[in-house]
Amino acid sequence: MIPQYKALLAFLIITAAATSTFLWVTRNTGNKKPLNPEAVSKLRSRFAITCVLLLGAALALTLPHLPYPRGSEIPDNVVFVAAKQFAFGLSETPIANDAQWEAASQGPAVRIPANRLVEFRVTSLDVNHGFGVYSPGGTLLAQTQAMPGYVNRLRLRLRDPGRYPVLCLELCGMEHHSMRGVFEVIPQDKD
């Protein structure tokens, strides 16, 4: 099942549970029975413990699947990214001026071996941009801001070979919709 359908299914289940709870409460508010404070306190405690256990289980099940590495891990590859209206320059060497950006944005796609930790060092040469990395299938994997005078570091471990598009996620001008970049993830055994 695709992740979007899983998210929709989870949303529908949670919405149905919340709606059922509200309907039950609404139905029972007209009940004139006196409340037992001890029973209410026990019910509240059970509810709080159940919520904490459910949230803890959700955290324990999802945390190991995050794509982000530990901060102390040294990246295998570094890709320098400079954003400028209206393209991304990606290079294995730093991009400090317009000539280097032009060479990086019009040159061949940077190639990254699969299953290696890559660090994108993202900056901008003009205005704020969003740096969104998409899978070959079009799923947003990660994003950070590209800001003039500042370098954001985004670390990823990309497992699937293919061409990964980069799109701008920050409205940056009239041609924002056409602002793109690309890099390639290659199988580890190739150069």
N, C-alpha and C. Protein backbone atom coordinates (compact mmCIF):
# COMPACT_ATOMS: atom_id res chain seq x y z
N MET A 1 0.85 -1.18 0.00
CA MET A 1 0.00 0.00 0.00
C MET A 1 0.90 1.24 0.00
N ILE A 2 0.55 2.22 -0.82
CA ILE A 2 1.37 3.43 -0.90
C ILE A 2 1.22 4.25 0.38
N PRO A 3 2.29 4.97 0.76
CA PRO A 3 2.26 5.73 2.03
C PRO A 3 1.09 6.70 2.14
N GLN A 4 0.70 7.33 1.02
CA GLN A 4 -0.41 8.28 1.08
C GLN A 4 -1.71 7.57 1.46
N TYR A 5 -1.92 6.35 0.95
CA TYR A 5 -3.13 5.61 1.31
C TYR A 5 -3.08 5.14 2.76
N LYS A 6 -1.89 4.77 3.23
CA LYS A 6 -1.74 4.40 4.64
C LYS A 6 -2.08 5.59 5.53
N ALA A 7 -1.59 6.77 5.16
CA ALA A 7 -1.87 7.97 5.94
C ALA A 7 -3.37 8.28 5.92
N LEU A 8 -4.00 8.13 4.75
CA LEU A 8 -5.44 8.38 4.65
C LEU A 8 -6.21 7.39 5.51
N LEU A 9 -5.83 6.12 5.47
CA LEU A 9 -6.50 5.11 6.27
C LEU A 9 -6.35 5.42 7.77
N ALA A 10 -5.14 5.78 8.21
CA ALA A 10 -4.92 6.12 9.61
C ALA A 10 -5.77 7.33 10.00
N PHE A 11 -5.82 8.34 9.12
CA PHE A 11 -6.64 9.54 9.39
C PHE A 11 -8.11 9.16 9.54
N LEU A 12 -8.61 8.32 8.65
CA LEU A 12 -10.02 7.93 8.72
C LEU A 12 -10.33 7.14 9.99
N ILE A 13 -9.43 6.26 10.40
CA ILE A 13 -9.64 5.48 11.62
C ILE A 13 -9.65 6.40 12.85
N ILE A 14 -8.69 7.32 12.91
CA ILE A 14 -8.62 8.24 14.05
C ILE A 14 -9.84 9.16 14.07
N THR A 15 -10.25 9.63 12.89
CA THR A 15 -11.44 10.49 12.80
C THR A 15 -12.69 9.74 13.25
N ALA A 16 -12.82 8.50 12.84
CA ALA A 16 -13.98 7.69 13.25
C ALA A 16 -13.98 7.47 14.77
N ALA A 17 -12.81 7.21 15.33
CA ALA A 17 -12.73 7.01 16.78
C ALA A 17 -13.08 8.29 17.53
N ALA A 18 -12.54 9.42 17.06
CA ALA A 18 -12.84 10.70 17.73
C ALA A 18 -14.31 11.04 17.60
N THR A 19 -14.89 10.84 16.43
CA THR A 19 -16.31 11.13 16.21
C THR A 19 -17.18 10.25 17.11
N SER A 20 -16.83 8.97 17.19
CA SER A 20 -17.59 8.04 18.04
C SER A 20 -17.52 8.48 19.51
N THR A 21 -16.35 8.90 19.94
CA THR A 21 -16.19 9.36 21.32
C THR A 21 -17.04 10.59 21.59
N PHE A 22 -17.00 11.56 20.66
CA PHE A 22 -17.81 12.76 20.85
C PHE A 22 -19.30 12.44 20.84
N LEU A 23 -19.74 11.54 19.98
CA LEU A 23 -21.15 11.16 19.95
C LEU A 23 -21.56 10.47 21.24
N TRP A 24 -20.70 9.61 21.77
CA TRP A 24 -20.99 8.92 23.03
C TRP A 24 -21.10 9.93 24.17
N VAL A 25 -20.16 10.88 24.21
CA VAL A 25 -20.20 11.90 25.27
C VAL A 25 -21.46 12.75 25.14
N THR A 26 -21.79 13.13 23.91
CA THR A 26 -23.00 13.94 23.67
C THR A 26 -24.26 13.20 24.12
N ARG A 27 -24.32 11.92 23.81
CA ARG A 27 -25.48 11.10 24.17
C ARG A 27 -25.61 10.97 25.69
N ASN A 28 -24.49 10.89 26.38
CA ASN A 28 -24.52 10.64 27.82
C ASN A 28 -24.51 11.91 28.67
N THR A 29 -24.40 13.08 28.07
CA THR A 29 -24.39 14.30 28.90
C THR A 29 -25.76 14.62 29.46
N GLY A 30 -26.81 14.14 28.83
CA GLY A 30 -28.16 14.38 29.34
C GLY A 30 -28.51 13.44 30.48
N ASN A 31 -27.66 12.50 30.78
CA ASN A 31 -27.90 11.53 31.85
C ASN A 31 -27.81 12.24 33.19
N LYS A 32 -28.82 12.12 34.01
CA LYS A 32 -28.89 12.85 35.28
C LYS A 32 -28.29 12.09 36.45
N LYS A 33 -27.59 10.97 36.19
CA LYS A 33 -27.00 10.20 37.29
C LYS A 33 -25.91 11.03 37.97
N PRO A 34 -25.82 10.96 39.29
CA PRO A 34 -24.72 11.67 39.97
C PRO A 34 -23.39 10.97 39.67
N LEU A 35 -22.35 11.75 39.54
CA LEU A 35 -21.02 11.20 39.24
C LEU A 35 -20.32 10.77 40.51
N ASN A 36 -19.63 9.66 40.42
CA ASN A 36 -18.80 9.18 41.52
C ASN A 36 -17.38 9.70 41.29
N PRO A 37 -16.90 10.62 42.13
CA PRO A 37 -15.57 11.20 41.90
C PRO A 37 -14.44 10.17 41.84
N GLU A 38 -14.54 9.11 42.63
CA GLU A 38 -13.49 8.08 42.60
C GLU A 38 -13.48 7.34 41.26
N ALA A 39 -14.64 7.02 40.75
CA ALA A 39 -14.73 6.33 39.45
C ALA A 39 -14.22 7.22 38.33
N VAL A 40 -14.54 8.51 38.39
CA VAL A 40 -14.08 9.45 37.37
C VAL A 40 -12.56 9.56 37.42
N SER A 41 -12.00 9.62 38.61
CA SER A 41 -10.54 9.71 38.78
C SER A 41 -9.85 8.46 38.24
N LYS A 42 -10.41 7.29 38.52
CA LYS A 42 -9.83 6.04 38.00
C LYS A 42 -9.90 6.00 36.48
N LEU A 43 -11.04 6.41 35.92
CA LEU A 43 -11.21 6.43 34.47
C LEU A 43 -10.20 7.39 33.83
N ARG A 44 -10.04 8.57 34.44
CA ARG A 44 -9.09 9.55 33.93
C ARG A 44 -7.67 9.00 33.96
N SER A 45 -7.31 8.33 35.04
CA SER A 45 -5.96 7.74 35.16
C SER A 45 -5.74 6.67 34.11
N ARG A 46 -6.73 5.79 33.92
CA ARG A 46 -6.61 4.75 32.90
C ARG A 46 -6.46 5.36 31.51
N PHE A 47 -7.24 6.39 31.25
CA PHE A 47 -7.17 7.05 29.94
C PHE A 47 -5.79 7.66 29.71
N ALA A 48 -5.25 8.33 30.72
CA ALA A 48 -3.93 8.96 30.59
C ALA A 48 -2.84 7.90 30.38
N ILE A 49 -2.91 6.81 31.13
CA ILE A 49 -1.92 5.74 30.98
C ILE A 49 -2.03 5.10 29.59
N THR A 50 -3.25 4.87 29.13
CA THR A 50 -3.45 4.30 27.79
C THR A 50 -2.88 5.22 26.72
N CYS A 51 -3.13 6.52 26.84
CA CYS A 51 -2.59 7.48 25.85
C CYS A 51 -1.07 7.47 25.85
N VAL A 52 -0.46 7.48 27.04
CA VAL A 52 1.00 7.46 27.13
C VAL A 52 1.57 6.18 26.52
N LEU A 53 0.93 5.04 26.79
CA LEU A 53 1.40 3.77 26.23
C LEU A 53 1.26 3.74 24.71
N LEU A 54 0.13 4.24 24.20
CA LEU A 54 -0.06 4.27 22.74
C LEU A 54 0.95 5.19 22.06
N LEU A 55 1.17 6.36 22.63
CA LEU A 55 2.15 7.29 22.06
C LEU A 55 3.57 6.73 22.15
N GLY A 56 3.89 6.07 23.28
CA GLY A 56 5.21 5.44 23.42
C GLY A 56 5.41 4.33 22.41
N ALA A 57 4.36 3.52 22.18
CA ALA A 57 4.45 2.45 21.19
C ALA A 57 4.62 3.03 19.79
N ALA A 58 3.87 4.08 19.47
CA ALA A 58 4.01 4.71 18.15
C ALA A 58 5.42 5.26 17.96
N LEU A 59 5.98 5.88 18.99
CA LEU A 59 7.34 6.40 18.92
C LEU A 59 8.35 5.27 18.74
N ALA A 60 8.19 4.20 19.51
CA ALA A 60 9.13 3.07 19.41
C ALA A 60 9.05 2.39 18.05
N LEU A 61 7.87 2.36 17.44
CA LEU A 61 7.73 1.71 16.14
C LEU A 61 8.21 2.58 14.98
N THR A 62 8.12 3.89 15.10
CA THR A 62 8.47 4.76 13.98
C THR A 62 9.87 5.35 14.06
N LEU A 63 10.41 5.55 15.23
CA LEU A 63 11.71 6.19 15.38
C LEU A 63 12.84 5.46 14.66
N PRO A 64 12.91 4.13 14.71
CA PRO A 64 14.02 3.45 14.01
C PRO A 64 13.98 3.60 12.49
N HIS A 65 12.84 4.01 11.94
CA HIS A 65 12.70 4.09 10.49
C HIS A 65 12.99 5.48 9.93
N LEU A 66 13.40 6.41 10.78
CA LEU A 66 13.73 7.74 10.28
C LEU A 66 14.99 7.66 9.43
N PRO A 67 15.04 8.43 8.34
CA PRO A 67 16.19 8.33 7.43
C PRO A 67 17.41 9.12 7.88
N TYR A 68 17.34 9.78 9.03
CA TYR A 68 18.41 10.67 9.43
C TYR A 68 19.46 9.94 10.27
N PRO A 69 20.73 10.13 9.98
CA PRO A 69 21.80 9.47 10.72
C PRO A 69 22.10 10.19 12.03
N ARG A 70 22.94 9.57 12.83
CA ARG A 70 23.40 10.19 14.07
C ARG A 70 24.32 11.36 13.73
N GLY A 71 24.32 12.38 14.58
CA GLY A 71 25.12 13.58 14.33
C GLY A 71 26.62 13.36 14.33
N SER A 72 27.09 12.35 15.06
CA SER A 72 28.53 12.12 15.16
C SER A 72 29.09 11.32 13.99
N GLU A 73 28.22 10.80 13.15
CA GLU A 73 28.64 10.00 12.01
C GLU A 73 29.25 10.89 10.93
N ILE A 74 30.40 10.50 10.41
CA ILE A 74 31.08 11.28 9.37
C ILE A 74 30.51 10.89 8.01
N PRO A 75 30.10 11.88 7.20
CA PRO A 75 29.50 11.54 5.90
C PRO A 75 30.52 10.94 4.94
N ASP A 76 30.05 10.01 4.10
CA ASP A 76 30.90 9.40 3.08
C ASP A 76 31.11 10.34 1.90
N ASN A 77 30.09 11.13 1.60
CA ASN A 77 30.14 12.08 0.48
C ASN A 77 29.61 13.43 0.93
N VAL A 78 30.16 14.49 0.37
CA VAL A 78 29.66 15.84 0.60
C VAL A 78 29.29 16.43 -0.75
N VAL A 79 28.07 16.94 -0.85
CA VAL A 79 27.60 17.60 -2.06
C VAL A 79 27.31 19.05 -1.70
N PHE A 80 27.94 19.96 -2.42
CA PHE A 80 27.74 21.38 -2.20
C PHE A 80 26.59 21.85 -3.10
N VAL A 81 25.65 22.56 -2.51
CA VAL A 81 24.47 23.02 -3.24
C VAL A 81 24.38 24.53 -3.11
N ALA A 82 24.27 25.21 -4.25
CA ALA A 82 24.02 26.65 -4.26
C ALA A 82 22.76 26.89 -5.07
N ALA A 83 21.79 27.55 -4.44
CA ALA A 83 20.55 27.88 -5.12
C ALA A 83 20.65 29.30 -5.64
N LYS A 84 20.07 29.51 -6.80
CA LYS A 84 20.03 30.85 -7.39
C LYS A 84 18.86 30.87 -8.35
N GLN A 85 18.17 31.98 -8.41
CA GLN A 85 17.01 32.04 -9.29
C GLN A 85 17.43 31.70 -10.71
N PHE A 86 17.00 30.65 -11.31
CA PHE A 86 15.98 29.69 -10.93
C PHE A 86 16.50 28.29 -11.20
N ALA A 87 17.57 27.90 -10.50
CA ALA A 87 18.12 26.54 -10.62
C ALA A 87 18.98 26.24 -9.40
N PHE A 88 19.30 24.96 -9.24
CA PHE A 88 20.20 24.53 -8.20
C PHE A 88 21.51 24.10 -8.84
N GLY A 89 22.62 24.54 -8.26
CA GLY A 89 23.92 24.04 -8.67
C GLY A 89 24.38 23.02 -7.66
N LEU A 90 24.63 21.79 -8.09
CA LEU A 90 25.12 20.73 -7.21
C LEU A 90 26.50 20.32 -7.69
N SER A 91 27.44 20.25 -6.74
CA SER A 91 28.82 19.97 -7.12
C SER A 91 29.53 19.25 -5.98
N GLU A 92 30.61 18.57 -6.33
CA GLU A 92 31.44 17.92 -5.31
C GLU A 92 32.49 18.87 -4.76
N THR A 93 32.55 20.08 -5.33
CA THR A 93 33.47 21.11 -4.83
C THR A 93 32.64 22.33 -4.43
N PRO A 94 33.13 23.14 -3.50
CA PRO A 94 32.35 24.31 -3.06
C PRO A 94 31.99 25.25 -4.21
N ILE A 95 30.84 25.88 -4.08
CA ILE A 95 30.34 26.85 -5.06
C ILE A 95 30.29 28.20 -4.37
N ALA A 96 31.16 29.12 -4.81
CA ALA A 96 31.27 30.40 -4.11
C ALA A 96 30.87 31.61 -4.97
N ASN A 97 30.78 31.43 -6.28
CA ASN A 97 30.47 32.59 -7.12
C ASN A 97 29.59 32.16 -8.30
N ASP A 98 29.20 33.13 -9.11
CA ASP A 98 28.28 32.87 -10.22
C ASP A 98 28.86 31.93 -11.27
N ALA A 99 30.15 32.04 -11.56
CA ALA A 99 30.77 31.17 -12.56
C ALA A 99 30.76 29.71 -12.09
N GLN A 100 31.08 29.48 -10.82
CA GLN A 100 31.05 28.11 -10.28
C GLN A 100 29.62 27.58 -10.24
N TRP A 101 28.66 28.46 -9.90
CA TRP A 101 27.26 28.04 -9.88
C TRP A 101 26.79 27.65 -11.28
N GLU A 102 27.16 28.46 -12.28
CA GLU A 102 26.75 28.16 -13.65
C GLU A 102 27.32 26.83 -14.12
N ALA A 103 28.58 26.57 -13.80
CA ALA A 103 29.20 25.30 -14.18
C ALA A 103 28.51 24.13 -13.47
N ALA A 104 28.16 24.32 -12.19
CA ALA A 104 27.51 23.25 -11.43
C ALA A 104 26.07 23.02 -11.88
N SER A 105 25.36 24.09 -12.23
CA SER A 105 23.94 23.93 -12.59
C SER A 105 23.76 23.41 -14.00
N GLN A 106 24.77 23.58 -14.86
CA GLN A 106 24.64 23.13 -16.24
C GLN A 106 25.49 21.90 -16.55
N GLY A 107 26.32 21.49 -15.60
CA GLY A 107 27.18 20.33 -15.81
C GLY A 107 26.44 19.02 -15.61
N PRO A 108 27.18 17.93 -15.67
CA PRO A 108 26.54 16.61 -15.45
C PRO A 108 26.07 16.47 -14.00
N ALA A 109 25.09 15.60 -13.81
CA ALA A 109 24.53 15.38 -12.47
C ALA A 109 25.59 14.76 -11.55
N VAL A 110 25.61 15.21 -10.31
CA VAL A 110 26.49 14.62 -9.29
C VAL A 110 26.06 13.19 -9.07
N ARG A 111 27.03 12.29 -8.92
CA ARG A 111 26.74 10.87 -8.73
C ARG A 111 27.13 10.47 -7.32
N ILE A 112 26.20 9.82 -6.62
CA ILE A 112 26.40 9.42 -5.23
C ILE A 112 26.19 7.91 -5.13
N PRO A 113 27.13 7.17 -4.54
CA PRO A 113 26.93 5.73 -4.36
C PRO A 113 25.76 5.44 -3.40
N ALA A 114 24.98 4.44 -3.69
CA ALA A 114 23.85 4.05 -2.84
C ALA A 114 24.34 3.57 -1.48
N ASN A 115 23.49 3.72 -0.48
CA ASN A 115 23.73 3.27 0.90
C ASN A 115 24.88 3.99 1.59
N ARG A 116 25.33 5.09 1.04
CA ARG A 116 26.38 5.87 1.69
C ARG A 116 25.75 7.12 2.30
N LEU A 117 26.31 7.57 3.40
CA LEU A 117 25.82 8.78 4.04
C LEU A 117 26.31 9.98 3.25
N VAL A 118 25.38 10.80 2.77
CA VAL A 118 25.73 12.00 2.00
C VAL A 118 25.28 13.23 2.80
N GLU A 119 26.13 14.23 2.79
CA GLU A 119 25.78 15.49 3.44
C GLU A 119 25.67 16.57 2.37
N PHE A 120 24.50 17.18 2.28
CA PHE A 120 24.28 18.28 1.37
C PHE A 120 24.55 19.56 2.15
N ARG A 121 25.46 20.39 1.66
CA ARG A 121 25.74 21.69 2.28
C ARG A 121 25.06 22.74 1.40
N VAL A 122 23.96 23.24 1.91
CA VAL A 122 23.02 24.02 1.10
C VAL A 122 23.09 25.50 1.46
N THR A 123 23.27 26.34 0.43
CA THR A 123 23.25 27.79 0.60
C THR A 123 22.55 28.42 -0.60
N SER A 124 22.43 29.74 -0.57
CA SER A 124 21.82 30.46 -1.68
C SER A 124 22.72 31.62 -2.07
N LEU A 125 22.71 31.94 -3.35
CA LEU A 125 23.50 33.07 -3.84
C LEU A 125 22.65 34.33 -4.02
N ASP A 126 21.32 34.23 -3.80
CA ASP A 126 20.50 35.43 -3.96
C ASP A 126 19.42 35.57 -2.88
N VAL A 127 18.33 34.82 -2.97
CA VAL A 127 17.22 34.94 -2.02
C VAL A 127 17.00 33.58 -1.34
N ASN A 128 16.06 33.53 -0.40
CA ASN A 128 15.74 32.25 0.24
C ASN A 128 15.07 31.31 -0.76
N HIS A 129 15.48 30.04 -0.67
CA HIS A 129 14.90 28.98 -1.48
C HIS A 129 14.65 27.79 -0.57
N GLY A 130 13.80 26.89 -0.98
CA GLY A 130 13.63 25.62 -0.30
C GLY A 130 14.36 24.55 -1.09
N PHE A 131 15.05 23.65 -0.40
CA PHE A 131 15.79 22.56 -1.05
C PHE A 131 15.07 21.28 -0.70
N GLY A 132 14.25 20.77 -1.62
CA GLY A 132 13.47 19.55 -1.38
C GLY A 132 14.00 18.40 -2.22
N VAL A 133 14.41 17.33 -1.55
CA VAL A 133 14.93 16.14 -2.24
C VAL A 133 13.78 15.14 -2.40
N TYR A 134 13.53 14.75 -3.65
CA TYR A 134 12.46 13.81 -3.97
C TYR A 134 13.05 12.49 -4.45
N SER A 135 12.35 11.41 -4.16
CA SER A 135 12.75 10.09 -4.65
C SER A 135 12.50 10.02 -6.15
N PRO A 136 13.08 9.01 -6.82
CA PRO A 136 12.77 8.86 -8.25
C PRO A 136 11.28 8.68 -8.51
N GLY A 137 10.54 8.19 -7.54
CA GLY A 137 9.09 8.01 -7.69
C GLY A 137 8.28 9.26 -7.35
N GLY A 138 8.93 10.32 -6.91
CA GLY A 138 8.22 11.57 -6.64
C GLY A 138 7.83 11.82 -5.20
N THR A 139 8.33 11.03 -4.25
CA THR A 139 8.02 11.23 -2.84
C THR A 139 9.04 12.17 -2.21
N LEU A 140 8.58 13.17 -1.47
CA LEU A 140 9.48 14.08 -0.77
C LEU A 140 10.20 13.32 0.34
N LEU A 141 11.54 13.30 0.29
CA LEU A 141 12.33 12.57 1.27
C LEU A 141 12.83 13.47 2.40
N ALA A 142 13.27 14.67 2.04
CA ALA A 142 13.82 15.58 3.04
C ALA A 142 13.88 16.98 2.45
N GLN A 143 13.98 17.96 3.33
CA GLN A 143 14.08 19.34 2.85
C GLN A 143 14.80 20.19 3.87
N THR A 144 15.38 21.27 3.39
CA THR A 144 15.97 22.29 4.25
C THR A 144 15.90 23.61 3.51
N GLN A 145 16.27 24.67 4.18
CA GLN A 145 16.26 26.00 3.57
C GLN A 145 17.61 26.32 2.96
N ALA A 146 17.58 27.01 1.83
CA ALA A 146 18.78 27.56 1.22
C ALA A 146 18.72 29.07 1.44
N MET A 147 19.65 29.58 2.27
CA MET A 147 19.61 30.99 2.65
C MET A 147 20.93 31.66 2.30
N PRO A 148 20.88 32.90 1.84
CA PRO A 148 22.12 33.60 1.52
C PRO A 148 22.96 33.81 2.78
N GLY A 149 24.26 33.57 2.66
CA GLY A 149 25.18 33.81 3.77
C GLY A 149 25.15 32.76 4.86
N TYR A 150 24.48 31.64 4.64
CA TYR A 150 24.38 30.60 5.66
C TYR A 150 24.38 29.24 4.98
N VAL A 151 24.98 28.25 5.63
CA VAL A 151 25.03 26.90 5.08
C VAL A 151 24.23 25.96 6.00
N ASN A 152 23.18 25.36 5.44
CA ASN A 152 22.43 24.32 6.15
C ASN A 152 22.96 22.97 5.71
N ARG A 153 23.09 22.06 6.65
CA ARG A 153 23.58 20.72 6.35
C ARG A 153 22.43 19.73 6.46
N LEU A 154 22.25 18.96 5.41
CA LEU A 154 21.20 17.94 5.36
C LEU A 154 21.86 16.61 5.07
N ARG A 155 21.73 15.67 5.99
CA ARG A 155 22.35 14.35 5.81
C ARG A 155 21.29 13.32 5.49
N LEU A 156 21.60 12.50 4.48
CA LEU A 156 20.69 11.44 4.05
C LEU A 156 21.48 10.19 3.68
N ARG A 157 20.84 9.07 3.82
CA ARG A 157 21.37 7.81 3.31
C ARG A 157 20.36 7.30 2.30
N LEU A 158 20.73 7.37 1.03
CA LEU A 158 19.81 7.02 -0.06
C LEU A 158 20.11 5.60 -0.53
N ARG A 159 19.12 4.74 -0.45
CA ARG A 159 19.34 3.32 -0.72
C ARG A 159 19.03 2.91 -2.16
N ASP A 160 18.09 3.58 -2.79
CA ASP A 160 17.65 3.17 -4.13
C ASP A 160 18.36 3.94 -5.23
N PRO A 161 18.97 3.23 -6.18
CA PRO A 161 19.59 3.91 -7.32
C PRO A 161 18.54 4.62 -8.17
N GLY A 162 18.96 5.69 -8.84
CA GLY A 162 18.07 6.42 -9.73
C GLY A 162 18.39 7.90 -9.73
N ARG A 163 17.59 8.65 -10.50
CA ARG A 163 17.76 10.11 -10.58
C ARG A 163 16.82 10.75 -9.56
N TYR A 164 17.37 11.55 -8.67
CA TYR A 164 16.63 12.20 -7.60
C TYR A 164 16.43 13.68 -7.94
N PRO A 165 15.21 14.10 -8.19
CA PRO A 165 14.97 15.51 -8.48
C PRO A 165 15.06 16.36 -7.21
N VAL A 166 15.46 17.59 -7.39
CA VAL A 166 15.48 18.58 -6.32
C VAL A 166 14.57 19.72 -6.77
N LEU A 167 13.63 20.09 -5.92
CA LEU A 167 12.70 21.17 -6.25
C LEU A 167 12.76 22.25 -5.17
N CYS A 168 12.46 23.47 -5.58
CA CYS A 168 12.41 24.59 -4.65
C CYS A 168 11.07 24.57 -3.92
N LEU A 169 11.11 24.66 -2.60
CA LEU A 169 9.88 24.62 -1.79
C LEU A 169 9.55 25.98 -1.18
N GLU A 170 10.23 27.03 -1.62
CA GLU A 170 10.00 28.38 -1.09
C GLU A 170 9.72 29.29 -2.28
N LEU A 171 8.59 29.98 -2.25
CA LEU A 171 8.27 30.88 -3.36
C LEU A 171 9.38 31.91 -3.49
N CYS A 172 10.07 31.88 -4.63
CA CYS A 172 11.29 32.69 -4.79
C CYS A 172 11.24 33.64 -5.96
N GLY A 173 10.14 33.69 -6.68
CA GLY A 173 10.03 34.60 -7.81
C GLY A 173 9.10 34.04 -8.87
N MET A 174 9.06 34.73 -10.00
CA MET A 174 8.13 34.39 -11.07
C MET A 174 8.37 33.02 -11.69
N GLU A 175 9.59 32.55 -11.71
CA GLU A 175 9.90 31.25 -12.31
C GLU A 175 10.14 30.16 -11.26
N HIS A 176 9.62 30.37 -10.06
CA HIS A 176 9.79 29.40 -8.96
C HIS A 176 9.39 27.99 -9.39
N HIS A 177 8.30 27.88 -10.12
CA HIS A 177 7.78 26.57 -10.53
C HIS A 177 8.76 25.79 -11.42
N SER A 178 9.69 26.48 -12.05
CA SER A 178 10.63 25.79 -12.95
C SER A 178 11.99 25.54 -12.30
N MET A 179 12.13 25.92 -11.03
CA MET A 179 13.43 25.79 -10.35
C MET A 179 13.66 24.33 -9.95
N ARG A 180 14.67 23.73 -10.57
CA ARG A 180 14.95 22.31 -10.37
C ARG A 180 16.45 22.04 -10.31
N GLY A 181 16.76 20.87 -9.85
CA GLY A 181 18.10 20.33 -9.87
C GLY A 181 17.96 18.82 -9.89
N VAL A 182 19.07 18.12 -10.04
CA VAL A 182 19.01 16.66 -10.06
C VAL A 182 20.36 16.10 -9.65
N PHE A 183 20.33 14.95 -9.00
CA PHE A 183 21.55 14.18 -8.76
C PHE A 183 21.21 12.71 -8.95
N GLU A 184 22.23 11.90 -9.08
CA GLU A 184 22.02 10.49 -9.38
C GLU A 184 22.61 9.62 -8.29
N VAL A 185 21.85 8.64 -7.85
CA VAL A 185 22.34 7.63 -6.93
C VAL A 185 22.64 6.38 -7.74
N ILE A 186 23.87 5.93 -7.63
CA ILE A 186 24.31 4.78 -8.43
C ILE A 186 24.55 3.58 -7.51
N PRO A 187 24.44 2.36 -8.04
CA PRO A 187 24.73 1.18 -7.21
C PRO A 187 26.16 1.26 -6.68
N GLN A 188 26.38 0.74 -5.48
CA GLN A 188 27.66 0.87 -4.80
C GLN A 188 28.83 0.28 -5.57
N ASP A 189 28.60 -0.79 -6.31
CA ASP A 189 29.72 -1.47 -6.97
C ASP A 189 30.24 -0.71 -8.20
N LYS A 190 29.51 0.37 -8.66
CA LYS A 190 29.97 1.15 -9.80
C LYS A 190 30.74 2.37 -9.29
N ASP A 191 31.57 2.92 -10.16
CA ASP A 191 32.34 4.12 -9.78
C ASP A 191 31.52 5.35 -9.88
